[in-house]
């Protein structure tokens, strides 16, 4: 009962298969990296703003939605990091996350990603593994005017349009780009 008011939780240490976070009713920031979790159930966390769950064995994420991975009720989420999962994502719809400022979906099997509604994005990291035969073939960042960091290393992009951005970080190494116009970046 005393844990109800906890709003920041960082889990480290032993390897675990699952956790019950339903006690943390006011949790806003969850950091659960490298613990081997397989199931992440955040369906009872109505105030959640940030999830960092990279480098785990996630097979299932429960957001209390009826139609799969649906972010429509997490519109206040600002940070999402689902990198390095055992089960690779083939597609994901993050358009409802209109307040998202940081997105990390590294080393998945995504071919394309629609970020047209995620106009608050400041940092985007969609790096892939060079050894994989997977990778983004298409991404449109024309609506993402606030981006300051873009990491798209080791994908299959043949075209990338960047206009009117003030970037502090850009890594596009290992793509199929033959030319890129950075004159307005």
Protein backbone atom coordinates (compact mmCIF):
# COMPACT_ATOMS: atom_id res chain seq x y z
CA UNK A 1 0.00 0.00 0.00
CA UNK A 2 2.86 2.40 0.67
CA UNK A 3 4.11 1.91 -2.90
CA UNK A 4 1.01 3.47 -4.47
CA UNK A 5 2.63 6.92 -4.66
CA UNK A 6 5.91 5.79 -6.26
CA UNK A 7 6.27 7.63 -9.57
CA UNK A 8 9.78 6.56 -10.64
CA UNK A 9 10.89 2.92 -10.65
CA UNK A 10 14.21 1.52 -11.81
CA UNK A 11 14.63 -2.27 -11.71
CA UNK A 12 18.14 -3.70 -11.89
CA UNK A 13 19.91 -6.83 -10.77
CA UNK A 14 18.80 -10.41 -11.07
CA UNK A 15 17.25 -11.92 -14.12
CA UNK A 16 13.45 -12.05 -13.94
CA UNK A 17 10.72 -13.41 -16.18
CA UNK A 18 7.94 -11.03 -15.17
CA UNK A 19 6.90 -8.36 -12.69
CA UNK A 20 3.62 -7.10 -11.29
CA UNK A 21 3.54 -3.31 -11.51
CA UNK A 22 -0.16 -2.89 -10.66
CA UNK A 23 0.71 -1.73 -7.11
CA UNK A 24 2.43 1.38 -8.49
CA UNK A 25 -0.76 3.26 -9.43
CA UNK A 26 0.98 6.64 -9.91
CA UNK A 27 4.05 5.35 -11.75
CA UNK A 28 5.23 7.77 -14.46
CA UNK A 29 8.75 6.56 -15.28
CA UNK A 30 9.67 2.89 -15.62
CA UNK A 31 13.25 1.79 -16.29
CA UNK A 32 13.59 -1.99 -16.51
CA UNK A 33 16.70 -2.71 -18.58
CA UNK A 34 18.67 -5.93 -18.92
CA UNK A 35 16.73 -8.01 -16.41
CA UNK A 36 15.50 -10.69 -18.82
CA UNK A 37 11.82 -9.83 -18.45
CA UNK A 38 9.56 -11.71 -20.87
CA UNK A 39 6.19 -10.13 -20.05
CA UNK A 40 5.70 -6.45 -19.33
CA UNK A 41 2.26 -5.62 -17.99
CA UNK A 42 1.69 -1.91 -17.62
CA UNK A 43 -2.07 -2.08 -18.19
CA UNK A 44 -2.87 -0.60 -14.75
CA UNK A 45 -0.48 2.34 -15.08
CA UNK A 46 -2.62 5.25 -16.25
CA UNK A 47 0.00 7.94 -15.53
CA UNK A 48 2.88 6.30 -17.39
CA UNK A 49 5.01 8.76 -19.38
CA UNK A 50 8.22 6.85 -20.00
CA UNK A 51 9.07 3.18 -20.54
CA UNK A 52 12.64 2.05 -20.91
CA UNK A 53 12.75 -1.71 -21.38
CA UNK A 54 15.62 -2.38 -23.75
CA UNK A 55 17.82 -5.47 -23.83
CA UNK A 56 15.25 -7.88 -22.39
CA UNK A 57 13.51 -11.03 -23.62
CA UNK A 58 10.14 -9.38 -24.15
CA UNK A 59 7.59 -11.62 -25.79
CA UNK A 60 4.50 -9.79 -24.60
CA UNK A 61 3.65 -6.22 -23.64
CA UNK A 62 0.28 -5.60 -22.00
CA UNK A 63 -1.14 -2.10 -22.23
CA UNK A 64 -4.75 -3.11 -21.47
CA UNK A 65 -5.78 -2.90 -25.09
CA UNK A 66 -7.99 -5.30 -26.99
CA UNK A 67 -6.37 -5.12 -30.43
CA UNK A 68 -2.70 -5.87 -29.90
CA UNK A 69 -0.06 -3.19 -29.39
CA UNK A 70 -2.29 -0.13 -29.40
CA UNK A 71 -0.93 3.10 -27.94
CA UNK A 72 -4.14 5.17 -28.22
CA UNK A 73 -4.55 5.49 -24.46
CA UNK A 74 -0.92 6.43 -23.79
CA UNK A 75 -0.99 9.82 -25.48
CA UNK A 76 1.09 11.44 -22.71
CA UNK A 77 3.98 8.98 -23.17
CA UNK A 78 7.17 10.92 -23.94
CA UNK A 79 9.91 8.26 -24.05
CA UNK A 80 9.70 4.78 -25.55
CA UNK A 81 12.63 2.38 -25.78
CA UNK A 82 11.88 -1.18 -26.92
CA UNK A 83 15.29 -1.94 -28.41
CA UNK A 84 17.06 -5.30 -28.41
CA UNK A 85 14.11 -7.61 -27.81
CA UNK A 86 14.29 -11.35 -28.36
CA UNK A 87 11.12 -11.23 -30.48
CA UNK A 88 11.66 -8.71 -33.27
CA UNK A 89 8.91 -6.25 -34.18
CA UNK A 90 7.81 -6.35 -37.81
CA UNK A 91 5.46 -3.40 -37.52
CA UNK A 92 4.32 -0.95 -34.88
CA UNK A 93 1.91 1.96 -34.92
CA UNK A 94 3.19 4.75 -32.70
CA UNK A 95 1.14 7.53 -34.34
CA UNK A 96 -1.15 7.92 -31.27
CA UNK A 97 1.92 8.88 -29.21
CA UNK A 98 1.63 12.53 -30.22
CA UNK A 99 3.71 13.76 -27.25
CA UNK A 100 6.58 11.35 -27.85
CA UNK A 101 9.94 13.14 -27.73
CA UNK A 102 12.30 10.14 -27.76
CA UNK A 103 11.90 6.89 -29.67
CA UNK A 104 14.31 3.95 -29.67
CA UNK A 105 13.39 0.84 -31.64
CA UNK A 106 16.81 -0.56 -32.38
CA UNK A 107 17.46 -3.97 -33.93
CA UNK A 108 13.99 -4.96 -35.06
CA UNK A 109 12.55 -6.19 -38.36
CA UNK A 110 10.77 -2.96 -39.29
CA UNK A 111 10.66 -2.15 -43.00
CA UNK A 112 8.92 1.22 -42.65
CA UNK A 113 7.67 3.42 -39.87
CA UNK A 114 5.11 6.22 -40.06
CA UNK A 115 6.16 9.14 -37.84
CA UNK A 116 4.01 11.79 -39.52
CA UNK A 117 1.89 12.39 -36.39
CA UNK A 118 4.82 12.29 -33.95
CA UNK A 119 5.79 15.92 -34.49
CA UNK A 120 7.27 16.41 -31.00
CA UNK A 121 10.10 13.91 -31.61
CA UNK A 122 13.50 15.25 -30.62
CA UNK A 123 15.51 12.02 -30.75
CA UNK A 124 15.03 9.04 -33.04
CA UNK A 125 17.12 5.88 -32.91
CA UNK A 126 16.28 3.07 -35.32
CA UNK A 127 19.71 1.50 -35.70
CA UNK A 128 19.87 -2.04 -37.04
CA UNK A 129 22.44 -4.83 -37.04
CA UNK A 130 24.71 -5.02 -40.06
CA UNK A 131 24.56 -8.82 -39.94
CA UNK A 132 20.76 -8.84 -40.25
CA UNK A 133 19.16 -8.89 -43.65
CA UNK A 134 16.44 -6.69 -42.23
CA UNK A 135 16.18 -2.95 -41.90
CA UNK A 136 14.15 0.10 -42.77
CA UNK A 137 13.66 0.63 -46.48
CA UNK A 138 11.46 3.69 -46.08
CA UNK A 139 11.03 6.52 -43.58
CA UNK A 140 9.56 9.99 -44.00
CA UNK A 141 10.79 12.60 -41.51
CA UNK A 142 9.31 15.63 -43.27
CA UNK A 143 6.82 16.34 -40.44
CA UNK A 144 9.40 15.89 -37.69
CA UNK A 145 10.79 19.43 -37.63
CA UNK A 146 11.97 19.29 -34.00
CA UNK A 147 14.39 16.38 -34.44
CA UNK A 148 17.87 17.09 -33.09
CA UNK A 149 19.26 13.54 -33.15
CA UNK A 150 18.72 10.91 -35.85
CA UNK A 151 20.31 7.46 -35.72
CA UNK A 152 19.45 5.18 -38.64
CA UNK A 153 22.65 3.13 -38.85
CA UNK A 154 22.77 -0.17 -40.79
CA UNK A 155 19.36 -0.03 -42.48
CA UNK A 156 18.34 -0.38 -46.12
CA UNK A 157 17.43 3.24 -46.83
CA UNK A 158 18.10 4.44 -50.36
CA UNK A 159 16.59 7.90 -49.79
CA UNK A 160 16.44 10.26 -46.84
CA UNK A 161 14.99 13.75 -46.98
CA UNK A 162 16.06 16.11 -44.21
CA UNK A 163 15.06 19.77 -44.34
CA UNK A 164 15.29 22.68 -41.94
CA UNK A 165 16.61 20.75 -38.97
CA UNK A 166 19.08 21.79 -36.30
CA UNK A 167 20.83 18.47 -35.68
CA UNK A 168 23.34 17.66 -32.96
CA UNK A 169 23.62 14.02 -34.01
CA UNK A 170 23.20 12.13 -37.28
CA UNK A 171 24.32 8.57 -38.03
CA UNK A 172 23.21 7.06 -41.33
CA UNK A 173 26.21 4.77 -41.84
CA UNK A 174 25.58 1.46 -43.59
CA UNK A 175 22.55 2.39 -45.68
CA UNK A 176 22.07 2.36 -49.45
CA UNK A 177 22.19 6.14 -49.78
CA UNK A 178 24.12 7.39 -52.78
CA UNK A 179 23.50 11.10 -52.15
CA UNK A 180 22.01 13.18 -49.37
CA UNK A 181 21.24 16.88 -49.34
CA UNK A 182 22.19 18.47 -46.00
CA UNK A 183 22.23 22.05 -47.27
CA UNK A 184 19.35 23.12 -44.99
CA UNK A 185 20.39 21.00 -42.00
